[in-house]
Amino acid sequence: MKKNYPSLLKSKDKIALVSPAGFISEQKLEKSIDNLKKLGFIPCFEKSILDKKGYLAGTAKNRAFEINKMFERTDIKGIMCARGGYGSVGIANLLDYKLINKNPKAFIGYSDITYLNHALYKHGNLINFHGVAGVSDFNEYTTNCFQQVLMSNNKSKIIKSQKEENQNKEEFKSFTINKGEARGKLVGGNLSLLCSLIGTKDFVSFENKIVFIEEIYEAPYKIDRMLTHLINATDILKASAITFGVFNKCNYDSFDLEKENSLSLKEIIIEKSAYFNVPISYGFSFGHISNQAIFPFGQEATFDSNKFEIYI
C-alpha cells in the first residue's frame, strides 16, 4: 500500500504533545511547551499527559487514546512525543490505524518511540519522524535539521552529520567502515527496541533499507549480544546500508568493567560490520546526544558513508 507523507509543518500550526511511554514531570512538560513555542508552534495537550502509573505515563488505554484523539483532531497538524522512557510496546495494538491512515500528520519521537515509528509506518502507512522529543535540547543544529526536514518545501534536502563537542571519548568519534553510497528507505531506531520488535507484527523489514541504529548506556557485551541477535534473527544482512549513530555511554569505561576484560565499543562495531558488504559508518549525529538529526522514517533516501550525509 502507498505510504502517506504528512503535510509540511508551518509557523502557528498546532502541535500536540503526547506521552506514549514514560511519565513526564510538570517541569519537563514546560520545557517541551517552550521548545515548541520557540519553533513557532502552538502547543496542545490533554490533561492526562501528566498521568503517572509507576514508570508509565498512565494506563495503556489512556496513552493510546491521547494519540488517537490527536490524529482525529483536524486542527492538530503534528504530534510530538514529549519523551521516550518505556511503554510504547504496550500501546501499539491500541492505536486506530484506519484513522491514522485517513489523517496523516507529522508524528515525531525517538528512543522508546522506535516501536511506534515501526508500527505507524507498517500499519498506518505513515512516513513519520525519528530523532527528537519535546524535552530534547533544541540547539542550533537540531533546530535547523528539524526545520529542514519537517518545514522546508525544498525538493531535495541534505541531512549532514555534526560532530559532538566531546570528541575525547571513543563513542563520540566518527569513522567510516565501508565507503560508498546506497539507496533505500530509512528505517531503524534504538537498538534495544529493534530487538524487541523481532518476531512481532510491527517489525519493518530491513531488506534494501538504509538502517539507522543508536543506543545509550548499554554495556559493550550487551551491544554485542543485541547486534548479533539482529544479524541472526532478522534480514538485516540484506540491508542496502548501515549508519550507526552515537552510542552514548556504551563503552566499557561507563561501567564497572576493566579494559582487559572487555571489548571496546569500536571493536564490537567493526567486528559486526564484517558481516556486511555495504556502506557503513559509525557516529552519525543522531541518538541520545546534543546534535540530533531528524530522519523521515520510511522515506526513500541516499546515504554516503564517507561524507556522513543523507540525501532525501
C-alpha atoms as a PDB file:
ATOM      1  CA  MET A   1       0.000   0.000   0.000  1.00  0.00           C
ATOM      2  CA  LYS A   2       1.202   3.514  -0.793  1.00  0.00           C
ATOM      3  CA  LYS A   3       2.691   5.305   2.188  1.00  0.00           C
ATOM      4  CA  ASN A   4       1.359   8.675   3.316  1.00  0.00           C
ATOM      5  CA  TYR A   5       3.774  11.584   3.623  1.00  0.00           C
ATOM      6  CA  PRO A   6       2.293  14.143   6.025  1.00  0.00           C
ATOM      7  CA  SER A   7       1.960  17.796   5.136  1.00  0.00           C
ATOM      8  CA  LEU A   8       4.860  20.070   5.980  1.00  0.00           C
ATOM      9  CA  LEU A   9       4.578  21.963   9.241  1.00  0.00           C
ATOM     10  CA  LYS A  10       4.484  25.747   9.304  1.00  0.00           C
ATOM     11  CA  SER A  11       4.634  28.500  11.867  1.00  0.00           C
ATOM     12  CA  LYS A  12       1.486  28.872  14.014  1.00  0.00           C
ATOM     13  CA  ASP A  13       0.495  25.234  13.462  1.00  0.00           C
ATOM     14  CA  LYS A  14      -0.963  23.457  16.462  1.00  0.00           C
ATOM     15  CA  ILE A  15       1.352  20.655  17.581  1.00  0.00           C
ATOM     16  CA  ALA A  16       0.128  18.102  20.106  1.00  0.00           C
ATOM     17  CA  LEU A  17       2.364  16.839  22.902  1.00  0.00           C
ATOM     18  CA  VAL A  18       1.737  13.234  23.956  1.00  0.00           C
ATOM     19  CA  SER A  19       3.337  10.783  26.398  1.00  0.00           C
ATOM     20  CA  PRO A  20       3.126   7.300  24.852  1.00  0.00           C
ATOM     21  CA  ALA A  21       5.706   5.748  27.171  1.00  0.00           C
ATOM     22  CA  GLY A  22       7.402   7.026  30.337  1.00  0.00           C
ATOM     23  CA  PHE A  23       5.744   9.616  32.570  1.00  0.00           C
ATOM     24  CA  ILE A  24       6.694  13.253  32.251  1.00  0.00           C
ATOM     25  CA  SER A  25       7.080  15.774  35.064  1.00  0.00           C
ATOM     26  CA  GLU A  26       5.492  19.221  35.026  1.00  0.00           C
ATOM     27  CA  GLN A  27       8.967  20.721  34.664  1.00  0.00           C
ATOM     28  CA  LYS A  28       9.740  18.652  31.565  1.00  0.00           C
ATOM     29  CA  LEU A  29       6.310  19.361  30.144  1.00  0.00           C
ATOM     30  CA  GLU A  30       7.043  23.086  30.482  1.00  0.00           C
ATOM     31  CA  LYS A  31      10.351  22.550  28.674  1.00  0.00           C
ATOM     32  CA  SER A  32       8.533  20.753  25.853  1.00  0.00           C
ATOM     33  CA  ILE A  33       5.996  23.578  25.611  1.00  0.00           C
ATOM     34  CA  ASP A  34       8.763  26.174  25.470  1.00  0.00           C
ATOM     35  CA  ASN A  35      10.593  24.215  22.770  1.00  0.00           C
ATOM     36  CA  LEU A  36       7.510  24.125  20.559  1.00  0.00           C
ATOM     37  CA  LYS A  37       6.846  27.815  21.095  1.00  0.00           C
ATOM     38  CA  LYS A  38      10.437  28.684  20.152  1.00  0.00           C
ATOM     39  CA  LEU A  39       9.929  26.729  16.927  1.00  0.00           C
ATOM     40  CA  GLY A  40       6.900  28.914  16.217  1.00  0.00           C
ATOM     41  CA  PHE A  41       4.190  26.368  17.004  1.00  0.00           C
ATOM     42  CA  ILE A  42       1.147  26.405  19.253  1.00  0.00           C
ATOM     43  CA  PRO A  43       1.459  23.504  21.725  1.00  0.00           C
ATOM     44  CA  CYS A  44      -1.622  21.479  22.702  1.00  0.00           C
ATOM     45  CA  PHE A  45      -2.057  18.531  25.063  1.00  0.00           C
ATOM     46  CA  GLU A  46      -4.531  16.592  27.150  1.00  0.00           C
ATOM     47  CA  LYS A  47      -4.502  16.853  30.957  1.00  0.00           C
ATOM     48  CA  SER A  48      -3.746  13.132  31.040  1.00  0.00           C
ATOM     49  CA  ILE A  49      -0.262  13.846  29.672  1.00  0.00           C
ATOM     50  CA  LEU A  50       0.843  14.177  33.323  1.00  0.00           C
ATOM     51  CA  ASP A  51      -0.715  10.880  34.410  1.00  0.00           C
ATOM     52  CA  LYS A  52       1.646   8.532  36.227  1.00  0.00           C
ATOM     53  CA  LYS A  53       1.442   4.808  36.818  1.00  0.00           C
ATOM     54  CA  GLY A  54       4.791   3.660  38.149  1.00  0.00           C
ATOM     55  CA  TYR A  55       7.271   4.278  35.337  1.00  0.00           C
ATOM     56  CA  LEU A  56       4.461   4.793  32.789  1.00  0.00           C
ATOM     57  CA  ALA A  57       2.501   7.876  31.745  1.00  0.00           C
ATOM     58  CA  GLY A  58      -0.775   6.387  32.918  1.00  0.00           C
ATOM     59  CA  THR A  59      -2.654   3.387  31.582  1.00  0.00           C
ATOM     60  CA  ALA A  60      -2.055   1.949  28.129  1.00  0.00           C
ATOM     61  CA  LYS A  61      -5.664   2.749  27.205  1.00  0.00           C
ATOM     62  CA  ASN A  62      -5.284   6.434  28.045  1.00  0.00           C
ATOM     63  CA  ARG A  63      -1.869   6.757  26.387  1.00  0.00           C
ATOM     64  CA  ALA A  64      -3.248   5.301  23.161  1.00  0.00           C
ATOM     65  CA  PHE A  65      -6.401   7.442  23.461  1.00  0.00           C
ATOM     66  CA  GLU A  66      -4.237  10.604  23.524  1.00  0.00           C
ATOM     67  CA  ILE A  67      -2.581   9.679  20.231  1.00  0.00           C
ATOM     68  CA  ASN A  68      -5.775   8.541  18.506  1.00  0.00           C
ATOM     69  CA  LYS A  69      -7.544  11.749  19.523  1.00  0.00           C
ATOM     70  CA  MET A  70      -4.743  13.959  18.214  1.00  0.00           C
ATOM     71  CA  PHE A  71      -4.779  12.164  14.852  1.00  0.00           C
ATOM     72  CA  GLU A  72      -8.557  12.658  14.717  1.00  0.00           C
ATOM     73  CA  ARG A  73      -8.491  16.381  15.500  1.00  0.00           C
ATOM     74  CA  THR A  74      -8.396  18.356  12.247  1.00  0.00           C
ATOM     75  CA  ASP A  75      -6.882  21.428  13.923  1.00  0.00           C
ATOM     76  CA  ILE A  76      -3.788  19.466  15.006  1.00  0.00           C
ATOM     77  CA  LYS A  77      -1.096  19.417  12.309  1.00  0.00           C
ATOM     78  CA  GLY A  78       1.603  17.412  14.080  1.00  0.00           C
ATOM     79  CA  ILE A  79       2.216  15.196  17.110  1.00  0.00           C
ATOM     80  CA  MET A  80       5.402  15.231  19.164  1.00  0.00           C
ATOM     81  CA  CYS A  81       6.248  12.726  21.875  1.00  0.00           C
ATOM     82  CA  ALA A  82       7.316  14.588  24.988  1.00  0.00           C
ATOM     83  CA  ARG A  83       9.841  11.878  25.885  1.00  0.00           C
ATOM     84  CA  GLY A  84      10.660   8.198  25.496  1.00  0.00           C
ATOM     85  CA  GLY A  85      11.342   6.058  28.544  1.00  0.00           C
ATOM     86  CA  TYR A  86       9.428   2.776  28.367  1.00  0.00           C
ATOM     87  CA  GLY A  87       5.912   1.762  27.353  1.00  0.00           C
ATOM     88  CA  SER A  88       5.391   2.219  23.613  1.00  0.00           C
ATOM     89  CA  VAL A  89       5.242  -1.534  23.099  1.00  0.00           C
ATOM     90  CA  GLY A  90       2.124  -1.648  25.280  1.00  0.00           C
ATOM     91  CA  ILE A  91       0.012   0.689  23.153  1.00  0.00           C
ATOM     92  CA  ALA A  92       0.891  -0.241  19.565  1.00  0.00           C
ATOM     93  CA  ASN A  93      -2.061  -2.637  19.336  1.00  0.00           C
ATOM     94  CA  LEU A  94      -4.443   0.014  20.727  1.00  0.00           C
ATOM     95  CA  LEU A  95      -3.854   2.607  18.037  1.00  0.00           C
ATOM     96  CA  ASP A  96      -6.543   3.201  15.411  1.00  0.00           C
ATOM     97  CA  TYR A  97      -4.553   2.638  12.223  1.00  0.00           C
ATOM     98  CA  LYS A  98      -7.558   3.149   9.935  1.00  0.00           C
ATOM     99  CA  LEU A  99      -7.997   6.586  11.478  1.00  0.00           C
ATOM    100  CA  ILE A 100      -4.281   7.316  11.185  1.00  0.00           C
ATOM    101  CA  ASN A 101      -4.223   6.209   7.546  1.00  0.00           C
ATOM    102  CA  LYS A 102      -7.042   8.640   6.765  1.00  0.00           C
ATOM    103  CA  ASN A 103      -5.496  11.513   8.743  1.00  0.00           C
ATOM    104  CA  PRO A 104      -1.747  11.515   8.082  1.00  0.00           C
ATOM    105  CA  LYS A 105       0.194  14.089  10.052  1.00  0.00           C
ATOM    106  CA  ALA A 106       3.754  14.507  11.320  1.00  0.00           C
ATOM    107  CA  PHE A 107       4.463  12.147  14.225  1.00  0.00           C
ATOM    108  CA  ILE A 108       7.814  12.779  15.927  1.00  0.00           C
ATOM    109  CA  GLY A 109       9.750  10.786  18.526  1.00  0.00           C
ATOM    110  CA  TYR A 110      12.735   8.536  19.174  1.00  0.00           C
ATOM    111  CA  SER A 111      14.300   6.179  21.723  1.00  0.00           C
ATOM    112  CA  ASP A 112      11.438   4.031  23.118  1.00  0.00           C
ATOM    113  CA  ILE A 113       9.215   5.618  20.455  1.00  0.00           C
ATOM    114  CA  THR A 114      11.123   3.463  17.943  1.00  0.00           C
ATOM    115  CA  TYR A 115       8.396   0.869  18.458  1.00  0.00           C
ATOM    116  CA  LEU A 116       5.726   3.326  17.310  1.00  0.00           C
ATOM    117  CA  ASN A 117       7.884   4.560  14.409  1.00  0.00           C
ATOM    118  CA  HIS A 118       7.725   0.995  13.058  1.00  0.00           C
ATOM    119  CA  ALA A 119       4.065   0.329  13.886  1.00  0.00           C
ATOM    120  CA  LEU A 120       2.802   3.612  12.410  1.00  0.00           C
ATOM    121  CA  TYR A 121       4.747   3.011   9.205  1.00  0.00           C
ATOM    122  CA  LYS A 122       3.671  -0.607   8.827  1.00  0.00           C
ATOM    123  CA  HIS A 123       0.019  -0.424   9.856  1.00  0.00           C
ATOM    124  CA  GLY A 124      -0.832   3.261   9.442  1.00  0.00           C
ATOM    125  CA  ASN A 125       1.145   3.642   6.187  1.00  0.00           C
ATOM    126  CA  LEU A 126       2.626   6.785   7.700  1.00  0.00           C
ATOM    127  CA  ILE A 127       6.007   8.294   6.956  1.00  0.00           C
ATOM    128  CA  ASN A 128       6.893   9.551  10.436  1.00  0.00           C
ATOM    129  CA  PHE A 129       9.941  11.139  12.031  1.00  0.00           C
ATOM    130  CA  HIS A 130      12.703   9.754  14.245  1.00  0.00           C
ATOM    131  CA  GLY A 131      15.259  11.848  16.053  1.00  0.00           C
ATOM    132  CA  VAL A 132      13.914  14.267  18.627  1.00  0.00           C
ATOM    133  CA  ALA A 133      11.454  14.629  21.532  1.00  0.00           C
ATOM    134  CA  GLY A 134       9.763  17.500  23.301  1.00  0.00           C
ATOM    135  CA  VAL A 135      12.320  17.511  26.128  1.00  0.00           C
ATOM    136  CA  SER A 136      15.311  17.463  23.756  1.00  0.00           C
ATOM    137  CA  ASP A 137      17.805  20.304  23.759  1.00  0.00           C
ATOM    138  CA  PHE A 138      16.991  22.116  20.548  1.00  0.00           C
ATOM    139  CA  ASN A 139      20.418  23.540  19.818  1.00  0.00           C
ATOM    140  CA  GLU A 140      21.226  25.247  16.514  1.00  0.00           C
ATOM    141  CA  TYR A 141      21.988  22.004  14.667  1.00  0.00           C
ATOM    142  CA  THR A 142      18.883  20.158  15.887  1.00  0.00           C
ATOM    143  CA  THR A 143      16.643  23.151  15.223  1.00  0.00           C
ATOM    144  CA  ASN A 144      17.998  23.630  11.707  1.00  0.00           C
ATOM    145  CA  CYS A 145      17.603  19.929  10.928  1.00  0.00           C
ATOM    146  CA  PHE A 146      14.041  19.933  12.266  1.00  0.00           C
ATOM    147  CA  GLN A 147      13.116  22.936  10.149  1.00  0.00           C
ATOM    148  CA  GLN A 148      14.743  21.495   7.044  1.00  0.00           C
ATOM    149  CA  VAL A 149      13.132  18.058   7.286  1.00  0.00           C
ATOM    150  CA  LEU A 150       9.693  18.984   8.619  1.00  0.00           C
ATOM    151  CA  MET A 151       9.117  22.551   7.439  1.00  0.00           C
ATOM    152  CA  SER A 152      11.112  23.245   4.263  1.00  0.00           C
ATOM    153  CA  ASN A 153       9.490  22.781   0.846  1.00  0.00           C
ATOM    154  CA  ASN A 154      12.839  22.276  -0.904  1.00  0.00           C
ATOM    155  CA  LYS A 155      12.528  19.325  -3.258  1.00  0.00           C
ATOM    156  CA  SER A 156      15.950  17.945  -2.312  1.00  0.00           C
ATOM    157  CA  LYS A 157      17.392  18.064   1.200  1.00  0.00           C
ATOM    158  CA  ILE A 158      20.716  17.035   2.724  1.00  0.00           C
ATOM    159  CA  ILE A 159      20.998  15.814   6.310  1.00  0.00           C
ATOM    160  CA  LYS A 160      24.624  16.399   7.284  1.00  0.00           C
ATOM    161  CA  SER A 161      26.128  14.879  10.402  1.00  0.00           C
ATOM    162  CA  GLN A 162      27.532  17.219  13.036  1.00  0.00           C
ATOM    163  CA  LYS A 163      30.322  16.103  15.366  1.00  0.00           C
ATOM    164  CA  GLU A 164      29.738  16.359  19.091  1.00  0.00           C
ATOM    165  CA  GLU A 165      31.992  18.615  21.148  1.00  0.00           C
ATOM    166  CA  ASN A 166      33.023  15.712  23.394  1.00  0.00           C
ATOM    167  CA  GLN A 167      35.452  14.095  20.941  1.00  0.00           C
ATOM    168  CA  ASN A 168      37.836  12.850  23.640  1.00  0.00           C
ATOM    169  CA  LYS A 169      35.650   9.809  24.326  1.00  0.00           C
ATOM    170  CA  GLU A 170      35.707   6.913  21.877  1.00  0.00           C
ATOM    171  CA  GLU A 171      31.951   6.665  21.436  1.00  0.00           C
ATOM    172  CA  PHE A 172      31.850  10.257  20.119  1.00  0.00           C
ATOM    173  CA  LYS A 173      34.488   9.653  17.446  1.00  0.00           C
ATOM    174  CA  SER A 174      33.001   9.050  13.996  1.00  0.00           C
ATOM    175  CA  PHE A 175      34.573   6.713  11.456  1.00  0.00           C
ATOM    176  CA  THR A 176      33.740   5.075   8.139  1.00  0.00           C
ATOM    177  CA  ILE A 177      33.914   1.286   7.947  1.00  0.00           C
ATOM    178  CA  ASN A 178      32.797   0.649   4.350  1.00  0.00           C
ATOM    179  CA  LYS A 179      32.915   3.574   1.925  1.00  0.00           C
ATOM    180  CA  GLY A 180      30.197   4.077  -0.642  1.00  0.00           C
ATOM    181  CA  GLU A 181      26.709   5.321  -1.471  1.00  0.00           C
ATOM    182  CA  ALA A 182      23.475   3.379  -1.221  1.00  0.00           C
ATOM    183  CA  ARG A 183      19.808   3.993  -1.931  1.00  0.00           C
ATOM    184  CA  GLY A 184      16.913   2.766   0.177  1.00  0.00           C
ATOM    185  CA  LYS A 185      14.162   3.680   2.596  1.00  0.00           C
ATOM    186  CA  LEU A 186      15.244   4.934   6.021  1.00  0.00           C
ATOM    187  CA  VAL A 187      14.263   2.580   8.851  1.00  0.00           C
ATOM    188  CA  GLY A 188      15.723   1.762  12.244  1.00  0.00           C
ATOM    189  CA  GLY A 189      15.918   3.352  15.682  1.00  0.00           C
ATOM    190  CA  ASN A 190      17.046   2.383  19.151  1.00  0.00           C
ATOM    191  CA  LEU A 191      18.891  -0.950  19.239  1.00  0.00           C
ATOM    192  CA  SER A 192      17.072  -2.334  22.295  1.00  0.00           C
ATOM    193  CA  LEU A 193      13.703  -1.573  20.725  1.00  0.00           C
ATOM    194  CA  LEU A 194      14.722  -3.046  17.378  1.00  0.00           C
ATOM    195  CA  CYS A 195      15.422  -6.290  19.230  1.00  0.00           C
ATOM    196  CA  SER A 196      12.032  -6.032  20.976  1.00  0.00           C
ATOM    197  CA  LEU A 197      10.327  -5.729  17.586  1.00  0.00           C
ATOM    198  CA  ILE A 198      11.749  -9.015  16.293  1.00  0.00           C
ATOM    199  CA  GLY A 199       9.016 -11.600  15.797  1.00  0.00           C
ATOM    200  CA  THR A 200       6.151  -9.112  16.189  1.00  0.00           C
ATOM    201  CA  LYS A 201       3.626  -7.983  13.600  1.00  0.00           C
ATOM    202  CA  ASP A 202       5.017  -4.454  13.972  1.00  0.00           C
ATOM    203  CA  PHE A 203       8.547  -5.199  12.738  1.00  0.00           C
ATOM    204  CA  VAL A 204       9.559  -3.471   9.492  1.00  0.00           C
ATOM    205  CA  SER A 205      11.863  -5.441   7.191  1.00  0.00           C
ATOM    206  CA  PHE A 206      15.446  -4.228   6.774  1.00  0.00           C
ATOM    207  CA  GLU A 207      15.835  -5.634   3.260  1.00  0.00           C
ATOM    208  CA  ASN A 208      17.032  -2.976   0.785  1.00  0.00           C
ATOM    209  CA  LYS A 209      16.753  -0.343   3.529  1.00  0.00           C
ATOM    210  CA  ILE A 210      19.187   2.207   4.936  1.00  0.00           C
ATOM    211  CA  VAL A 211      19.182   1.051   8.553  1.00  0.00           C
ATOM    212  CA  PHE A 212      19.994   3.591  11.268  1.00  0.00           C
ATOM    213  CA  ILE A 213      20.798   2.352  14.785  1.00  0.00           C
ATOM    214  CA  GLU A 214      21.529   4.144  18.081  1.00  0.00           C
ATOM    215  CA  GLU A 215      21.776   3.243  21.757  1.00  0.00           C
ATOM    216  CA  ILE A 216      22.568   4.689  25.192  1.00  0.00           C
ATOM    217  CA  TYR A 217      24.018   3.300  28.405  1.00  0.00           C
ATOM    218  CA  GLU A 218      24.304  -0.360  27.459  1.00  0.00           C
ATOM    219  CA  ALA A 219      27.481  -2.264  28.308  1.00  0.00           C
ATOM    220  CA  PRO A 220      29.662  -3.442  25.387  1.00  0.00           C
ATOM    221  CA  TYR A 221      28.719  -7.097  25.825  1.00  0.00           C
ATOM    222  CA  LYS A 222      25.043  -6.135  25.598  1.00  0.00           C
ATOM    223  CA  ILE A 223      25.681  -4.190  22.390  1.00  0.00           C
ATOM    224  CA  ASP A 224      27.474  -7.286  21.086  1.00  0.00           C
ATOM    225  CA  ARG A 225      24.536  -9.505  22.024  1.00  0.00           C
ATOM    226  CA  MET A 226      21.884  -7.246  20.503  1.00  0.00           C
ATOM    227  CA  LEU A 227      23.725  -6.682  17.222  1.00  0.00           C
ATOM    228  CA  THR A 228      24.360 -10.433  16.973  1.00  0.00           C
ATOM    229  CA  HIS A 229      20.655 -11.033  17.571  1.00  0.00           C
ATOM    230  CA  LEU A 230      19.713  -8.636  14.770  1.00  0.00           C
ATOM    231  CA  ILE A 231      22.080 -10.458  12.418  1.00  0.00           C
ATOM    232  CA  ASN A 232      20.789 -13.901  13.412  1.00  0.00           C
ATOM    233  CA  ALA A 233      17.071 -13.152  13.682  1.00  0.00           C
ATOM    234  CA  THR A 234      16.298 -10.543  11.003  1.00  0.00           C
ATOM    235  CA  ASP A 235      17.021  -9.795   7.349  1.00  0.00           C
ATOM    236  CA  ILE A 236      19.451  -7.000   8.208  1.00  0.00           C
ATOM    237  CA  LEU A 237      22.195  -8.698   6.157  1.00  0.00           C
ATOM    238  CA  LYS A 238      20.094  -7.703   3.125  1.00  0.00           C
ATOM    239  CA  ALA A 239      20.144  -4.012   4.077  1.00  0.00           C
ATOM    240  CA  SER A 240      21.486  -1.560   1.495  1.00  0.00           C
ATOM    241  CA  ALA A 241      23.496   0.370   4.118  1.00  0.00           C
ATOM    242  CA  ILE A 242      24.007   0.752   7.866  1.00  0.00           C
ATOM    243  CA  THR A 243      24.557   4.009   9.705  1.00  0.00           C
ATOM    244  CA  PHE A 244      25.291   3.813  13.407  1.00  0.00           C
ATOM    245  CA  GLY A 245      24.564   6.897  15.478  1.00  0.00           C
ATOM    246  CA  VAL A 246      26.466   7.815  18.608  1.00  0.00           C
ATOM    247  CA  PHE A 247      26.216   5.022  21.170  1.00  0.00           C
ATOM    248  CA  ASN A 248      26.423   7.358  24.155  1.00  0.00           C
ATOM    249  CA  LYS A 249      27.841   5.834  27.368  1.00  0.00           C
ATOM    250  CA  CYS A 250      28.152   2.393  25.786  1.00  0.00           C
ATOM    251  CA  ASN A 251      31.904   1.869  26.162  1.00  0.00           C
ATOM    252  CA  TYR A 252      33.496  -0.190  28.928  1.00  0.00           C
ATOM    253  CA  ASP A 253      34.621   2.911  30.853  1.00  0.00           C
ATOM    254  CA  SER A 254      30.985   3.836  31.560  1.00  0.00           C
ATOM    255  CA  PHE A 255      30.609   0.644  33.584  1.00  0.00           C
ATOM    256  CA  ASP A 256      32.455  -1.351  36.214  1.00  0.00           C
ATOM    257  CA  LEU A 257      34.480  -3.077  33.518  1.00  0.00           C
ATOM    258  CA  GLU A 258      38.234  -3.276  33.111  1.00  0.00           C
ATOM    259  CA  LYS A 259      39.621  -2.714  29.625  1.00  0.00           C
ATOM    260  CA  GLU A 260      41.454  -6.038  29.566  1.00  0.00           C
ATOM    261  CA  ASN A 261      38.176  -7.848  30.366  1.00  0.00           C
ATOM    262  CA  SER A 262      36.021  -6.143  27.751  1.00  0.00           C
ATOM    263  CA  LEU A 263      35.925  -5.448  24.060  1.00  0.00           C
ATOM    264  CA  SER A 264      35.632  -1.767  23.283  1.00  0.00           C
ATOM    265  CA  LEU A 265      32.543  -0.359  21.582  1.00  0.00           C
ATOM    266  CA  LYS A 266      34.586   0.341  18.443  1.00  0.00           C
ATOM    267  CA  GLU A 267      35.878  -3.233  18.319  1.00  0.00           C
ATOM    268  CA  ILE A 268      32.328  -4.563  18.519  1.00  0.00           C
ATOM    269  CA  ILE A 269      31.012  -2.231  15.798  1.00  0.00           C
ATOM    270  CA  ILE A 270      33.864  -3.182  13.453  1.00  0.00           C
ATOM    271  CA  GLU A 271      33.515  -6.896  14.212  1.00  0.00           C
ATOM    272  CA  LYS A 272      29.781  -6.971  13.489  1.00  0.00           C
ATOM    273  CA  SER A 273      30.221  -4.817  10.377  1.00  0.00           C
ATOM    274  CA  ALA A 274      32.426  -7.535   8.878  1.00  0.00           C
ATOM    275  CA  TYR A 275      29.222  -9.478   8.139  1.00  0.00           C
ATOM    276  CA  PHE A 276      28.188  -6.779   5.644  1.00  0.00           C
ATOM    277  CA  ASN A 277      29.434  -5.674   2.253  1.00  0.00           C
ATOM    278  CA  VAL A 278      27.519  -2.399   2.104  1.00  0.00           C
ATOM    279  CA  PRO A 279      28.297   1.233   3.052  1.00  0.00           C
ATOM    280  CA  ILE A 280      28.664   1.514   6.847  1.00  0.00           C
ATOM    281  CA  SER A 281      29.666   4.335   9.159  1.00  0.00           C
ATOM    282  CA  TYR A 282      29.647   4.972  12.889  1.00  0.00           C
ATOM    283  CA  GLY A 283      28.962   8.269  14.630  1.00  0.00           C
ATOM    284  CA  PHE A 284      26.271   9.974  12.545  1.00  0.00           C
ATOM    285  CA  SER A 285      24.751  12.653  14.768  1.00  0.00           C
ATOM    286  CA  PHE A 286      21.546  11.040  15.959  1.00  0.00           C
ATOM    287  CA  GLY A 287      20.577   9.348  19.191  1.00  0.00           C
ATOM    288  CA  HIS A 288      20.851  10.425  22.825  1.00  0.00           C
ATOM    289  CA  ILE A 289      23.202  13.330  22.152  1.00  0.00           C
ATOM    290  CA  SER A 290      23.096  17.115  21.754  1.00  0.00           C
ATOM    291  CA  ASN A 291      23.124  17.227  17.949  1.00  0.00           C
ATOM    292  CA  GLN A 292      20.063  15.260  16.855  1.00  0.00           C
ATOM    293  CA  ALA A 293      19.394  14.657  13.182  1.00  0.00           C
ATOM    294  CA  ILE A 294      15.783  14.004  12.229  1.00  0.00           C
ATOM    295  CA  PHE A 295      15.115  11.134   9.815  1.00  0.00           C
ATOM    296  CA  PRO A 296      11.829  10.642   7.919  1.00  0.00           C
ATOM    297  CA  PHE A 297      11.106   7.003   8.761  1.00  0.00           C
ATOM    298  CA  GLY A 298      10.254   5.093   5.589  1.00  0.00           C
ATOM    299  CA  GLN A 299      11.267   7.766   3.089  1.00  0.00           C
ATOM    300  CA  GLU A 300      13.491   6.895   0.134  1.00  0.00           C
ATOM    301  CA  ALA A 301      16.974   8.361   0.581  1.00  0.00           C
ATOM    302  CA  THR A 302      20.632   8.083  -0.433  1.00  0.00           C
ATOM    303  CA  PHE A 303      23.348   7.576   2.174  1.00  0.00           C
ATOM    304  CA  ASP A 304      27.025   8.495   1.697  1.00  0.00           C
ATOM    305  CA  SER A 305      29.064   6.706   4.378  1.00  0.00           C
ATOM    306  CA  ASN A 306      32.234   8.653   3.601  1.00  0.00           C
ATOM    307  CA  LYS A 307      30.711  12.139   3.715  1.00  0.00           C
ATOM    308  CA  PHE A 308      28.271  11.284   6.534  1.00  0.00           C
ATOM    309  CA  GLU A 309      25.383  12.723   4.533  1.00  0.00           C
ATOM    310  CA  ILE A 310      21.849  11.565   3.774  1.00  0.00           C
ATOM    311  CA  TYR A 311      20.002  12.944   0.756  1.00  0.00           C
ATOM    312  CA  ILE A 312      16.213  12.909   0.888  1.00  0.00           C
END
